[in-house]
């Protein structure tokens, strides 16, 4: 749902219950806040 509803890609894995979070070193606090807000909505 993160990718379809919020346009956030978290990586692919064969285990559907695995969430991979590998942010780049230049990520901003604002981008992290957007991610966690979307994650809370999905969960």
N, C-alpha and C. Protein backbone atom coordinates (compact mmCIF):
# COMPACT_ATOMS: atom_id res chain seq x y z
N UNK A 1 0.81 -1.20 0.00
CA UNK A 1 0.00 0.00 0.00
C UNK A 1 0.85 1.26 0.00
N UNK A 2 2.05 1.18 0.57
CA UNK A 2 2.92 2.36 0.58
C UNK A 2 3.24 2.81 -0.85
N UNK A 3 3.52 1.86 -1.71
CA UNK A 3 3.90 2.24 -3.08
C UNK A 3 2.70 2.73 -3.89
N UNK A 4 1.54 2.12 -3.71
CA UNK A 4 0.37 2.48 -4.52
C UNK A 4 -0.34 3.73 -4.00
N UNK A 5 -0.47 3.87 -2.70
CA UNK A 5 -1.22 4.99 -2.14
C UNK A 5 -0.36 6.20 -1.82
N UNK A 6 0.91 5.98 -1.48
CA UNK A 6 1.76 7.08 -1.04
C UNK A 6 2.99 7.27 -1.92
N UNK A 7 3.17 6.43 -2.91
CA UNK A 7 4.30 6.50 -3.84
C UNK A 7 5.64 6.39 -3.11
N UNK A 8 5.69 5.50 -2.11
CA UNK A 8 6.91 5.25 -1.35
C UNK A 8 7.34 3.81 -1.61
N UNK A 9 8.51 3.64 -2.18
CA UNK A 9 9.04 2.30 -2.46
C UNK A 9 9.99 1.90 -1.34
N UNK A 10 9.75 0.74 -0.73
CA UNK A 10 10.56 0.30 0.40
C UNK A 10 11.47 -0.87 0.06
N UNK A 11 11.56 -1.24 -1.18
CA UNK A 11 12.42 -2.36 -1.57
C UNK A 11 11.61 -3.64 -1.73
N UNK A 12 12.14 -4.54 -2.47
CA UNK A 12 11.45 -5.80 -2.71
C UNK A 12 12.12 -6.94 -1.99
N UNK A 13 11.32 -7.92 -1.59
CA UNK A 13 11.84 -9.11 -0.93
C UNK A 13 10.87 -10.25 -1.19
N UNK A 14 11.37 -11.46 -1.13
CA UNK A 14 10.49 -12.61 -1.34
C UNK A 14 9.55 -12.80 -0.15
N UNK A 15 9.95 -12.33 1.03
CA UNK A 15 9.11 -12.40 2.22
C UNK A 15 8.19 -11.18 2.24
N UNK A 16 6.89 -11.38 2.10
CA UNK A 16 5.94 -10.27 2.02
C UNK A 16 5.78 -9.53 3.35
N UNK A 17 6.26 -10.11 4.45
CA UNK A 17 6.14 -9.46 5.75
C UNK A 17 7.41 -8.71 6.14
N UNK A 18 8.35 -8.62 5.24
CA UNK A 18 9.62 -7.95 5.49
C UNK A 18 9.57 -6.53 4.93
N UNK A 19 9.92 -5.55 5.75
CA UNK A 19 9.99 -4.17 5.33
C UNK A 19 11.45 -3.73 5.36
N UNK A 20 12.00 -3.43 4.20
CA UNK A 20 13.40 -3.01 4.11
C UNK A 20 13.45 -1.50 4.05
N UNK A 21 14.15 -0.90 5.00
CA UNK A 21 14.30 0.55 5.02
C UNK A 21 15.79 0.86 4.85
N UNK A 22 16.13 1.33 3.68
CA UNK A 22 17.53 1.65 3.36
C UNK A 22 17.59 3.06 2.79
N UNK A 23 17.45 4.08 3.65
CA UNK A 23 17.44 5.45 3.12
C UNK A 23 18.84 5.89 2.69
N UNK A 24 18.91 6.80 1.73
CA UNK A 24 20.21 7.34 1.32
C UNK A 24 20.77 8.23 2.42
N UNK A 25 22.04 8.50 2.38
CA UNK A 25 22.68 9.34 3.40
C UNK A 25 22.21 10.79 3.36
N UNK A 26 21.68 11.22 2.23
CA UNK A 26 21.25 12.62 2.11
C UNK A 26 19.75 12.80 2.35
N UNK A 27 19.11 11.88 3.07
CA UNK A 27 17.69 12.01 3.36
C UNK A 27 17.47 13.14 4.37
N UNK A 28 16.37 13.85 4.22
CA UNK A 28 16.07 14.96 5.12
C UNK A 28 15.08 14.52 6.20
N UNK A 29 15.01 15.28 7.26
CA UNK A 29 14.06 14.98 8.32
C UNK A 29 12.63 15.06 7.80
N UNK A 30 12.37 16.01 6.92
CA UNK A 30 11.03 16.15 6.34
C UNK A 30 10.63 14.89 5.56
N UNK A 31 11.57 14.31 4.83
CA UNK A 31 11.28 13.08 4.08
C UNK A 31 11.03 11.90 5.02
N UNK A 32 11.77 11.85 6.12
CA UNK A 32 11.56 10.79 7.11
C UNK A 32 10.19 10.95 7.76
N UNK A 33 9.80 12.19 8.05
CA UNK A 33 8.49 12.44 8.64
C UNK A 33 7.36 12.00 7.70
N UNK A 34 7.52 12.26 6.41
CA UNK A 34 6.52 11.83 5.43
C UNK A 34 6.43 10.31 5.41
N UNK A 35 7.57 9.63 5.44
CA UNK A 35 7.58 8.18 5.43
C UNK A 35 6.86 7.60 6.66
N UNK A 36 7.20 8.11 7.85
CA UNK A 36 6.59 7.56 9.06
C UNK A 36 5.10 7.86 9.14
N UNK A 37 4.68 9.00 8.65
CA UNK A 37 3.25 9.32 8.62
C UNK A 37 2.51 8.33 7.72
N UNK A 38 3.06 8.07 6.55
CA UNK A 38 2.45 7.11 5.62
C UNK A 38 2.47 5.70 6.21
N UNK A 39 3.56 5.32 6.84
CA UNK A 39 3.66 3.98 7.43
C UNK A 39 2.63 3.80 8.53
N UNK A 40 2.44 4.79 9.36
CA UNK A 40 1.42 4.71 10.41
C UNK A 40 0.03 4.53 9.82
N UNK A 41 -0.27 5.23 8.72
CA UNK A 41 -1.58 5.10 8.08
C UNK A 41 -1.79 3.70 7.53
N UNK A 42 -0.75 3.13 6.95
CA UNK A 42 -0.85 1.79 6.35
C UNK A 42 -0.98 0.71 7.41
N UNK A 43 -0.24 0.87 8.50
CA UNK A 43 -0.28 -0.16 9.56
C UNK A 43 -1.56 -0.03 10.37
